[in-house]
Amino acid sequence: MPKDTILILIAVAVGGGIVAAIAYYVTRFMRGSIKLSMSRTTFNPGDAITGSFDLLTKKPIQGNQLVVSLIGVEITRTRHDGRSRTRSHEIYRDEVVLEEAKEYQAGQTSKHEFEIAASNTSEPGFMNSALGKTLGAALSFLGNRRKRLKWKIEARLDAKGVDLKATKSIRINMKQLA
């Protein structure tokens, strides 16, 4: 295959990916939005994480579920031969279903309040649980790897087609695991 043909194919693939990403976000924007609000973003283990979100639909949407999730993502940074590499892996998810399948009309606005508990790491036996061991490992330094844990709250309207979602980063104090 000629060198010019390979470059053209790569350019078409990259351009197609960019167009697809733009189309996805435009489609999601045209369907509606979710605006997430929380009075505070730092919590201790076992605290109730509370907040609310406003759901606005611009077009009719067939919703499967309206959920709020607490998500823990382990971020691992490694260095090898002077190159840095970052990987993320979801290690924790707790969901609260606010509404089951429902048809949302165009132009509908609604406000939803939520409460979800931060994982309670101070309970007896927590460090022996699978989650406790995973969180303990995520917060330690291992050779040339550095791991950390990021927490976020996500409000999502799981719908046919493109979902609507909003996320907000939070902090859960995990000092006793370090």
N, C-alpha and C. Protein backbone atom coordinates (compact mmCIF):
# COMPACT_ATOMS: atom_id res chain seq x y z
N MET A 1 0.84 -1.17 0.00
CA MET A 1 0.00 0.00 0.00
C MET A 1 0.89 1.24 0.00
N PRO A 2 0.61 2.20 -0.84
CA PRO A 2 1.43 3.41 -0.89
C PRO A 2 1.32 4.20 0.42
N LYS A 3 2.41 4.91 0.73
CA LYS A 3 2.49 5.68 1.97
C LYS A 3 1.39 6.74 2.04
N ASP A 4 1.08 7.38 0.91
CA ASP A 4 0.04 8.41 0.89
C ASP A 4 -1.33 7.83 1.21
N THR A 5 -1.62 6.62 0.77
CA THR A 5 -2.90 5.98 1.03
C THR A 5 -3.08 5.71 2.53
N ILE A 6 -2.03 5.28 3.19
CA ILE A 6 -2.08 5.02 4.62
C ILE A 6 -2.35 6.31 5.39
N LEU A 7 -1.68 7.40 4.99
CA LEU A 7 -1.91 8.68 5.65
C LEU A 7 -3.34 9.18 5.45
N ILE A 8 -3.88 8.97 4.26
CA ILE A 8 -5.26 9.37 3.97
C ILE A 8 -6.23 8.56 4.82
N LEU A 9 -6.00 7.27 4.95
CA LEU A 9 -6.87 6.41 5.76
C LEU A 9 -6.82 6.82 7.23
N ILE A 10 -5.64 7.14 7.73
CA ILE A 10 -5.51 7.59 9.12
C ILE A 10 -6.25 8.90 9.32
N ALA A 11 -6.09 9.83 8.38
CA ALA A 11 -6.77 11.13 8.48
C ALA A 11 -8.29 10.96 8.44
N VAL A 12 -8.79 10.07 7.60
CA VAL A 12 -10.23 9.82 7.51
C VAL A 12 -10.73 9.20 8.82
N ALA A 13 -9.98 8.26 9.38
CA ALA A 13 -10.38 7.62 10.64
C ALA A 13 -10.42 8.64 11.78
N VAL A 14 -9.40 9.47 11.89
CA VAL A 14 -9.36 10.48 12.95
C VAL A 14 -10.50 11.49 12.74
N GLY A 15 -10.68 11.94 11.53
CA GLY A 15 -11.76 12.89 11.23
C GLY A 15 -13.12 12.30 11.52
N GLY A 16 -13.31 11.02 11.18
CA GLY A 16 -14.59 10.35 11.46
C GLY A 16 -14.84 10.25 12.96
N GLY A 17 -13.80 9.98 13.73
CA GLY A 17 -13.94 9.91 15.19
C GLY A 17 -14.33 11.25 15.78
N ILE A 18 -13.72 12.31 15.29
CA ILE A 18 -14.03 13.65 15.78
C ILE A 18 -15.48 14.02 15.44
N VAL A 19 -15.90 13.73 14.22
CA VAL A 19 -17.28 14.03 13.80
C VAL A 19 -18.27 13.23 14.65
N ALA A 20 -17.96 11.95 14.92
CA ALA A 20 -18.85 11.12 15.74
C ALA A 20 -18.97 11.67 17.16
N ALA A 21 -17.86 12.12 17.75
CA ALA A 21 -17.89 12.68 19.10
C ALA A 21 -18.71 13.96 19.14
N ILE A 22 -18.54 14.81 18.16
CA ILE A 22 -19.32 16.05 18.09
C ILE A 22 -20.80 15.74 17.94
N ALA A 23 -21.13 14.79 17.08
CA ALA A 23 -22.53 14.41 16.87
C ALA A 23 -23.15 13.88 18.16
N TYR A 24 -22.41 13.09 18.93
CA TYR A 24 -22.92 12.55 20.20
C TYR A 24 -23.26 13.69 21.16
N TYR A 25 -22.35 14.62 21.37
CA TYR A 25 -22.58 15.71 22.32
C TYR A 25 -23.68 16.66 21.86
N VAL A 26 -23.79 16.91 20.56
CA VAL A 26 -24.87 17.75 20.04
C VAL A 26 -26.21 17.06 20.26
N THR A 27 -26.26 15.75 20.00
CA THR A 27 -27.49 14.99 20.20
C THR A 27 -27.90 15.02 21.67
N ARG A 28 -26.95 14.82 22.57
CA ARG A 28 -27.25 14.84 24.00
C ARG A 28 -27.73 16.22 24.43
N PHE A 29 -27.09 17.27 23.93
CA PHE A 29 -27.49 18.64 24.27
C PHE A 29 -28.91 18.93 23.79
N MET A 30 -29.25 18.44 22.60
CA MET A 30 -30.57 18.71 22.04
C MET A 30 -31.68 17.93 22.74
N ARG A 31 -31.34 16.86 23.44
CA ARG A 31 -32.35 16.07 24.16
C ARG A 31 -32.71 16.69 25.49
N GLY A 32 -31.74 17.34 26.14
CA GLY A 32 -32.02 17.92 27.45
C GLY A 32 -30.76 18.01 28.27
N SER A 33 -30.94 18.23 29.58
CA SER A 33 -29.78 18.37 30.45
C SER A 33 -30.14 18.04 31.89
N ILE A 34 -29.10 17.79 32.67
CA ILE A 34 -29.22 17.60 34.11
C ILE A 34 -28.23 18.55 34.77
N LYS A 35 -28.71 19.30 35.77
CA LYS A 35 -27.85 20.21 36.52
C LYS A 35 -27.83 19.73 37.97
N LEU A 36 -26.63 19.32 38.42
CA LEU A 36 -26.43 18.71 39.74
C LEU A 36 -25.99 19.77 40.74
N SER A 37 -26.62 19.78 41.95
CA SER A 37 -26.28 20.75 43.01
C SER A 37 -26.06 20.01 44.32
N MET A 38 -24.98 20.40 45.00
CA MET A 38 -24.70 19.83 46.32
C MET A 38 -24.20 20.96 47.22
N SER A 39 -24.67 20.98 48.47
CA SER A 39 -24.26 22.05 49.38
C SER A 39 -22.83 21.87 49.88
N ARG A 40 -22.35 20.62 49.90
CA ARG A 40 -20.96 20.37 50.28
C ARG A 40 -20.43 19.19 49.48
N THR A 41 -19.10 19.11 49.38
CA THR A 41 -18.48 18.06 48.56
C THR A 41 -17.41 17.27 49.30
N THR A 42 -17.27 17.48 50.61
CA THR A 42 -16.31 16.72 51.42
C THR A 42 -17.09 15.99 52.50
N PHE A 43 -16.82 14.68 52.62
CA PHE A 43 -17.59 13.83 53.53
C PHE A 43 -16.67 12.90 54.30
N ASN A 44 -17.15 12.43 55.45
CA ASN A 44 -16.47 11.40 56.22
C ASN A 44 -17.14 10.07 55.92
N PRO A 45 -16.45 8.97 56.16
CA PRO A 45 -17.06 7.66 55.94
C PRO A 45 -18.36 7.52 56.73
N GLY A 46 -19.40 7.01 56.08
CA GLY A 46 -20.69 6.82 56.71
C GLY A 46 -21.62 8.02 56.65
N ASP A 47 -21.11 9.20 56.25
CA ASP A 47 -21.95 10.40 56.13
C ASP A 47 -23.00 10.20 55.04
N ALA A 48 -24.09 10.91 55.19
CA ALA A 48 -25.11 10.94 54.13
C ALA A 48 -24.69 12.00 53.11
N ILE A 49 -24.58 11.60 51.87
CA ILE A 49 -24.27 12.52 50.78
C ILE A 49 -25.61 12.95 50.21
N THR A 50 -25.91 14.24 50.31
CA THR A 50 -27.21 14.73 49.86
C THR A 50 -27.02 15.80 48.79
N GLY A 51 -28.05 15.98 48.01
CA GLY A 51 -28.04 17.00 46.97
C GLY A 51 -29.33 16.94 46.18
N SER A 52 -29.32 17.64 45.09
CA SER A 52 -30.48 17.64 44.21
C SER A 52 -30.01 17.88 42.78
N PHE A 53 -30.90 17.62 41.85
CA PHE A 53 -30.59 17.94 40.46
C PHE A 53 -31.87 18.31 39.74
N ASP A 54 -31.70 19.17 38.74
CA ASP A 54 -32.80 19.60 37.88
C ASP A 54 -32.68 18.86 36.56
N LEU A 55 -33.76 18.25 36.14
CA LEU A 55 -33.83 17.52 34.87
C LEU A 55 -34.66 18.34 33.90
N LEU A 56 -34.11 18.65 32.74
CA LEU A 56 -34.81 19.39 31.70
C LEU A 56 -34.78 18.56 30.43
N THR A 57 -35.95 18.28 29.88
CA THR A 57 -36.01 17.55 28.61
C THR A 57 -36.45 18.51 27.52
N LYS A 58 -35.72 18.52 26.42
CA LYS A 58 -36.05 19.38 25.29
C LYS A 58 -36.86 18.63 24.24
N LYS A 59 -36.72 17.30 24.24
CA LYS A 59 -37.45 16.43 23.32
C LYS A 59 -38.06 15.30 24.14
N PRO A 60 -39.08 14.61 23.61
CA PRO A 60 -39.62 13.46 24.33
C PRO A 60 -38.53 12.38 24.50
N ILE A 61 -38.48 11.79 25.69
CA ILE A 61 -37.46 10.79 25.99
C ILE A 61 -38.15 9.60 26.67
N GLN A 62 -37.85 8.41 26.19
CA GLN A 62 -38.30 7.19 26.86
C GLN A 62 -37.20 6.78 27.83
N GLY A 63 -37.42 7.04 29.11
CA GLY A 63 -36.42 6.75 30.12
C GLY A 63 -36.54 5.32 30.63
N ASN A 64 -35.40 4.69 30.88
CA ASN A 64 -35.38 3.36 31.48
C ASN A 64 -35.29 3.45 32.99
N GLN A 65 -34.43 4.35 33.49
CA GLN A 65 -34.23 4.57 34.92
C GLN A 65 -33.64 5.95 35.14
N LEU A 66 -33.98 6.53 36.28
CA LEU A 66 -33.35 7.76 36.74
C LEU A 66 -32.59 7.38 38.01
N VAL A 67 -31.25 7.46 37.97
CA VAL A 67 -30.43 6.96 39.07
C VAL A 67 -29.39 8.00 39.51
N VAL A 68 -29.01 7.90 40.78
CA VAL A 68 -27.89 8.66 41.33
C VAL A 68 -26.89 7.62 41.83
N SER A 69 -25.61 7.80 41.48
CA SER A 69 -24.58 6.83 41.83
C SER A 69 -23.42 7.50 42.55
N LEU A 70 -22.87 6.78 43.53
CA LEU A 70 -21.61 7.14 44.15
C LEU A 70 -20.58 6.21 43.52
N ILE A 71 -19.57 6.78 42.88
CA ILE A 71 -18.60 5.99 42.12
C ILE A 71 -17.19 6.27 42.63
N GLY A 72 -16.45 5.19 42.86
CA GLY A 72 -15.05 5.29 43.25
C GLY A 72 -14.19 4.77 42.11
N VAL A 73 -13.24 5.58 41.66
CA VAL A 73 -12.37 5.22 40.54
C VAL A 73 -10.92 5.22 41.02
N GLU A 74 -10.25 4.09 40.81
CA GLU A 74 -8.83 3.97 41.16
C GLU A 74 -8.01 4.48 39.98
N ILE A 75 -7.16 5.47 40.24
CA ILE A 75 -6.28 6.04 39.23
C ILE A 75 -4.87 5.54 39.51
N THR A 76 -4.28 4.86 38.55
CA THR A 76 -2.93 4.31 38.71
C THR A 76 -2.00 4.99 37.72
N ARG A 77 -0.93 5.55 38.25
CA ARG A 77 0.08 6.19 37.39
C ARG A 77 1.35 5.37 37.50
N THR A 78 1.88 4.95 36.36
CA THR A 78 3.13 4.19 36.35
C THR A 78 4.15 4.93 35.50
N ARG A 79 5.41 4.70 35.85
CA ARG A 79 6.52 5.26 35.08
C ARG A 79 7.39 4.09 34.65
N HIS A 80 7.70 4.05 33.37
CA HIS A 80 8.55 3.00 32.85
C HIS A 80 9.37 3.58 31.71
N ASP A 81 10.66 3.47 31.80
CA ASP A 81 11.57 4.00 30.79
C ASP A 81 11.33 5.49 30.53
N GLY A 82 11.09 6.25 31.60
CA GLY A 82 10.91 7.68 31.47
C GLY A 82 9.54 8.10 30.93
N ARG A 83 8.65 7.14 30.68
CA ARG A 83 7.32 7.46 30.17
C ARG A 83 6.29 7.26 31.27
N SER A 84 5.34 8.15 31.33
CA SER A 84 4.29 8.07 32.33
C SER A 84 3.02 7.54 31.69
N ARG A 85 2.32 6.67 32.41
CA ARG A 85 1.08 6.09 31.89
C ARG A 85 0.04 6.12 33.01
N THR A 86 -1.17 6.54 32.67
CA THR A 86 -2.24 6.64 33.66
C THR A 86 -3.39 5.74 33.24
N ARG A 87 -3.88 4.95 34.19
CA ARG A 87 -5.04 4.09 33.95
C ARG A 87 -6.07 4.36 35.03
N SER A 88 -7.33 4.22 34.66
CA SER A 88 -8.39 4.36 35.66
C SER A 88 -9.29 3.12 35.60
N HIS A 89 -9.77 2.74 36.77
CA HIS A 89 -10.56 1.53 36.89
C HIS A 89 -11.62 1.75 37.98
N GLU A 90 -12.89 1.56 37.64
CA GLU A 90 -13.96 1.73 38.63
C GLU A 90 -13.91 0.57 39.61
N ILE A 91 -13.81 0.91 40.91
CA ILE A 91 -13.74 -0.14 41.92
C ILE A 91 -14.93 -0.11 42.88
N TYR A 92 -15.75 0.93 42.82
CA TYR A 92 -16.88 1.02 43.73
C TYR A 92 -18.03 1.73 43.03
N ARG A 93 -19.25 1.20 43.22
CA ARG A 93 -20.45 1.86 42.69
C ARG A 93 -21.62 1.50 43.59
N ASP A 94 -22.29 2.53 44.06
CA ASP A 94 -23.52 2.35 44.84
C ASP A 94 -24.56 3.23 44.16
N GLU A 95 -25.71 2.64 43.81
CA GLU A 95 -26.74 3.38 43.08
C GLU A 95 -28.04 3.44 43.86
N VAL A 96 -28.73 4.55 43.69
CA VAL A 96 -30.08 4.73 44.22
C VAL A 96 -30.97 5.04 43.02
N VAL A 97 -31.98 4.19 42.80
CA VAL A 97 -32.93 4.40 41.70
C VAL A 97 -34.01 5.35 42.19
N LEU A 98 -34.17 6.47 41.50
CA LEU A 98 -35.18 7.46 41.88
C LEU A 98 -36.49 7.26 41.12
N GLU A 99 -36.41 6.83 39.88
CA GLU A 99 -37.61 6.55 39.07
C GLU A 99 -37.32 5.37 38.16
N GLU A 100 -38.32 4.53 38.00
CA GLU A 100 -38.21 3.41 37.07
C GLU A 100 -38.55 3.93 35.67
N ALA A 101 -38.79 3.03 34.73
CA ALA A 101 -39.09 3.40 33.34
C ALA A 101 -40.25 4.40 33.28
N LYS A 102 -40.06 5.45 32.48
CA LYS A 102 -41.04 6.53 32.41
C LYS A 102 -40.85 7.30 31.11
N GLU A 103 -41.93 7.82 30.57
CA GLU A 103 -41.89 8.67 29.39
C GLU A 103 -41.80 10.12 29.86
N TYR A 104 -40.79 10.84 29.37
CA TYR A 104 -40.61 12.25 29.70
C TYR A 104 -41.03 13.08 28.49
N GLN A 105 -41.91 14.03 28.71
CA GLN A 105 -42.42 14.87 27.63
C GLN A 105 -41.42 15.98 27.29
N ALA A 106 -41.51 16.50 26.09
CA ALA A 106 -40.66 17.61 25.66
C ALA A 106 -40.97 18.84 26.51
N GLY A 107 -39.91 19.54 26.93
CA GLY A 107 -40.08 20.75 27.72
C GLY A 107 -40.37 20.51 29.19
N GLN A 108 -40.27 19.28 29.65
CA GLN A 108 -40.56 18.95 31.05
C GLN A 108 -39.36 19.30 31.93
N THR A 109 -39.64 19.92 33.07
CA THR A 109 -38.59 20.18 34.06
C THR A 109 -39.04 19.56 35.38
N SER A 110 -38.09 18.99 36.08
CA SER A 110 -38.40 18.42 37.39
C SER A 110 -37.16 18.50 38.27
N LYS A 111 -37.41 18.62 39.57
CA LYS A 111 -36.32 18.68 40.55
C LYS A 111 -36.38 17.40 41.38
N HIS A 112 -35.22 16.79 41.57
CA HIS A 112 -35.12 15.54 42.32
C HIS A 112 -34.09 15.70 43.41
N GLU A 113 -34.43 15.26 44.63
CA GLU A 113 -33.50 15.26 45.74
C GLU A 113 -33.00 13.84 45.95
N PHE A 114 -31.77 13.70 46.45
CA PHE A 114 -31.21 12.38 46.67
C PHE A 114 -30.40 12.34 47.96
N GLU A 115 -30.23 11.13 48.47
CA GLU A 115 -29.37 10.87 49.61
C GLU A 115 -28.75 9.50 49.40
N ILE A 116 -27.43 9.44 49.53
CA ILE A 116 -26.70 8.20 49.37
C ILE A 116 -25.59 8.20 50.41
N ALA A 117 -25.33 7.05 51.02
CA ALA A 117 -24.34 6.99 52.11
C ALA A 117 -22.93 6.80 51.56
N ALA A 118 -21.99 7.55 52.13
CA ALA A 118 -20.57 7.32 51.82
C ALA A 118 -20.20 5.99 52.46
N SER A 119 -19.37 5.21 51.79
CA SER A 119 -18.99 3.91 52.34
C SER A 119 -18.39 4.09 53.72
N ASN A 120 -18.83 3.27 54.66
CA ASN A 120 -18.40 3.43 56.06
C ASN A 120 -17.18 2.57 56.34
N THR A 121 -16.03 3.18 56.28
CA THR A 121 -14.77 2.46 56.47
C THR A 121 -14.43 2.27 57.94
N SER A 122 -15.21 2.85 58.86
CA SER A 122 -14.91 2.71 60.28
C SER A 122 -15.64 1.52 60.91
N GLU A 123 -16.47 0.81 60.16
CA GLU A 123 -17.16 -0.36 60.69
C GLU A 123 -16.15 -1.47 61.01
N PRO A 124 -16.39 -2.25 62.07
CA PRO A 124 -15.49 -3.37 62.37
C PRO A 124 -15.49 -4.36 61.21
N GLY A 125 -14.33 -4.84 60.87
CA GLY A 125 -14.23 -5.83 59.80
C GLY A 125 -14.17 -5.24 58.39
N PHE A 126 -14.28 -3.92 58.27
CA PHE A 126 -14.27 -3.33 56.92
C PHE A 126 -12.98 -3.64 56.19
N MET A 127 -11.84 -3.53 56.89
CA MET A 127 -10.55 -3.74 56.22
C MET A 127 -10.37 -5.18 55.74
N ASN A 128 -11.15 -6.14 56.28
CA ASN A 128 -11.07 -7.51 55.81
C ASN A 128 -12.01 -7.80 54.65
N SER A 129 -12.91 -6.85 54.35
CA SER A 129 -13.82 -7.05 53.22
C SER A 129 -13.07 -6.81 51.91
N ALA A 130 -13.67 -7.29 50.82
CA ALA A 130 -13.04 -7.10 49.50
C ALA A 130 -12.87 -5.62 49.19
N LEU A 131 -13.89 -4.81 49.50
CA LEU A 131 -13.79 -3.37 49.24
C LEU A 131 -12.71 -2.74 50.10
N GLY A 132 -12.63 -3.13 51.37
CA GLY A 132 -11.61 -2.58 52.26
C GLY A 132 -10.21 -2.88 51.77
N LYS A 133 -9.97 -4.11 51.32
CA LYS A 133 -8.66 -4.48 50.79
C LYS A 133 -8.33 -3.70 49.52
N THR A 134 -9.33 -3.53 48.66
CA THR A 134 -9.12 -2.79 47.42
C THR A 134 -8.82 -1.33 47.71
N LEU A 135 -9.58 -0.72 48.62
CA LEU A 135 -9.35 0.69 48.95
C LEU A 135 -7.99 0.87 49.63
N GLY A 136 -7.62 -0.07 50.50
CA GLY A 136 -6.32 0.02 51.15
C GLY A 136 -5.19 -0.03 50.14
N ALA A 137 -5.31 -0.94 49.16
CA ALA A 137 -4.28 -1.04 48.12
C ALA A 137 -4.27 0.20 47.24
N ALA A 138 -5.44 0.76 46.98
CA ALA A 138 -5.53 1.93 46.11
C ALA A 138 -4.85 3.15 46.72
N LEU A 139 -4.78 3.19 48.05
CA LEU A 139 -4.21 4.36 48.71
C LEU A 139 -2.73 4.20 49.05
N SER A 140 -2.15 3.06 48.73
CA SER A 140 -0.75 2.85 49.07
C SER A 140 0.14 3.06 47.84
N PHE A 141 1.42 3.23 48.13
CA PHE A 141 2.39 3.36 47.06
C PHE A 141 3.04 2.00 46.84
N LEU A 142 3.12 1.56 45.58
CA LEU A 142 3.70 0.26 45.27
C LEU A 142 4.81 0.43 44.25
N GLY A 143 6.07 0.41 44.69
CA GLY A 143 7.21 0.49 43.78
C GLY A 143 7.14 1.72 42.89
N ASN A 144 7.08 1.50 41.57
CA ASN A 144 7.05 2.61 40.64
C ASN A 144 5.61 2.98 40.26
N ARG A 145 4.63 2.52 41.04
CA ARG A 145 3.23 2.84 40.78
C ARG A 145 2.71 3.77 41.87
N ARG A 146 1.85 4.65 41.47
CA ARG A 146 1.19 5.51 42.44
C ARG A 146 -0.31 5.37 42.20
N LYS A 147 -1.05 5.02 43.24
CA LYS A 147 -2.49 4.86 43.12
C LYS A 147 -3.19 5.89 43.98
N ARG A 148 -4.30 6.35 43.50
CA ARG A 148 -5.15 7.23 44.29
C ARG A 148 -6.59 6.92 43.95
N LEU A 149 -7.48 7.38 44.77
CA LEU A 149 -8.90 7.10 44.61
C LEU A 149 -9.66 8.40 44.41
N LYS A 150 -10.44 8.45 43.35
CA LYS A 150 -11.28 9.62 43.06
C LYS A 150 -12.73 9.20 43.25
N TRP A 151 -13.50 10.05 43.87
CA TRP A 151 -14.92 9.80 44.10
C TRP A 151 -15.74 10.82 43.31
N LYS A 152 -16.92 10.38 42.85
CA LYS A 152 -17.82 11.30 42.18
C LYS A 152 -19.26 10.86 42.38
N ILE A 153 -20.15 11.83 42.28
CA ILE A 153 -21.59 11.58 42.28
C ILE A 153 -22.04 11.78 40.84
N GLU A 154 -22.87 10.86 40.36
CA GLU A 154 -23.38 10.95 38.99
C GLU A 154 -24.89 10.82 39.02
N ALA A 155 -25.60 11.77 38.41
CA ALA A 155 -27.04 11.70 38.19
C ALA A 155 -27.22 11.36 36.72
N ARG A 156 -27.98 10.30 36.44
CA ARG A 156 -28.10 9.83 35.06
C ARG A 156 -29.55 9.43 34.75
N LEU A 157 -30.03 9.92 33.61
CA LEU A 157 -31.27 9.43 33.05
C LEU A 157 -30.88 8.42 31.98
N ASP A 158 -30.97 7.14 32.34
CA ASP A 158 -30.69 6.05 31.40
C ASP A 158 -31.89 5.99 30.47
N ALA A 159 -31.67 6.25 29.18
CA ALA A 159 -32.77 6.37 28.24
C ALA A 159 -32.45 5.64 26.94
N LYS A 160 -33.49 5.42 26.17
CA LYS A 160 -33.27 4.87 24.83
C LYS A 160 -32.55 5.92 24.01
N GLY A 161 -31.51 5.50 23.32
CA GLY A 161 -30.69 6.46 22.58
C GLY A 161 -29.59 6.99 23.46
N VAL A 162 -29.48 8.28 23.54
CA VAL A 162 -28.40 8.94 24.30
C VAL A 162 -28.89 9.27 25.71
N ASP A 163 -28.09 8.90 26.73
CA ASP A 163 -28.41 9.20 28.13
C ASP A 163 -28.12 10.66 28.44
N LEU A 164 -28.81 11.18 29.45
CA LEU A 164 -28.48 12.50 30.01
C LEU A 164 -27.78 12.25 31.33
N LYS A 165 -26.69 12.98 31.62
CA LYS A 165 -26.00 12.78 32.88
C LYS A 165 -25.27 14.04 33.31
N ALA A 166 -24.99 14.09 34.61
CA ALA A 166 -24.17 15.14 35.19
C ALA A 166 -23.36 14.51 36.30
N THR A 167 -22.11 14.95 36.47
CA THR A 167 -21.26 14.42 37.52
C THR A 167 -20.64 15.56 38.32
N LYS A 168 -20.32 15.24 39.56
CA LYS A 168 -19.63 16.21 40.42
C LYS A 168 -18.62 15.43 41.25
N SER A 169 -17.38 15.90 41.25
CA SER A 169 -16.34 15.28 42.06
C SER A 169 -16.57 15.59 43.52
N ILE A 170 -16.35 14.58 44.37
CA ILE A 170 -16.46 14.77 45.80
C ILE A 170 -15.22 14.18 46.46
N ARG A 171 -15.11 14.39 47.77
CA ARG A 171 -13.99 13.83 48.52
C ARG A 171 -14.56 13.09 49.72
N ILE A 172 -14.09 11.87 49.92
CA ILE A 172 -14.42 11.10 51.11
C ILE A 172 -13.11 10.89 51.87
N ASN A 173 -13.04 11.38 53.09
CA ASN A 173 -11.82 11.29 53.91
C ASN A 173 -11.54 9.83 54.25
N MET A 174 -10.42 9.33 53.76
CA MET A 174 -10.07 7.93 53.97
C MET A 174 -8.73 7.80 54.70
N LYS A 175 -8.42 8.68 55.63
CA LYS A 175 -7.12 8.71 56.27
C LYS A 175 -6.78 7.44 57.03
N GLN A 176 -7.78 6.77 57.62
CA GLN A 176 -7.46 5.59 58.41
C GLN A 176 -7.02 4.41 57.54
N LEU A 177 -7.16 4.49 56.23
CA LEU A 177 -6.74 3.40 55.34
C LEU A 177 -5.30 3.56 54.90
N ALA A 178 -4.76 4.77 54.96
CA ALA A 178 -3.43 5.01 54.41
C ALA A 178 -2.34 4.33 55.21
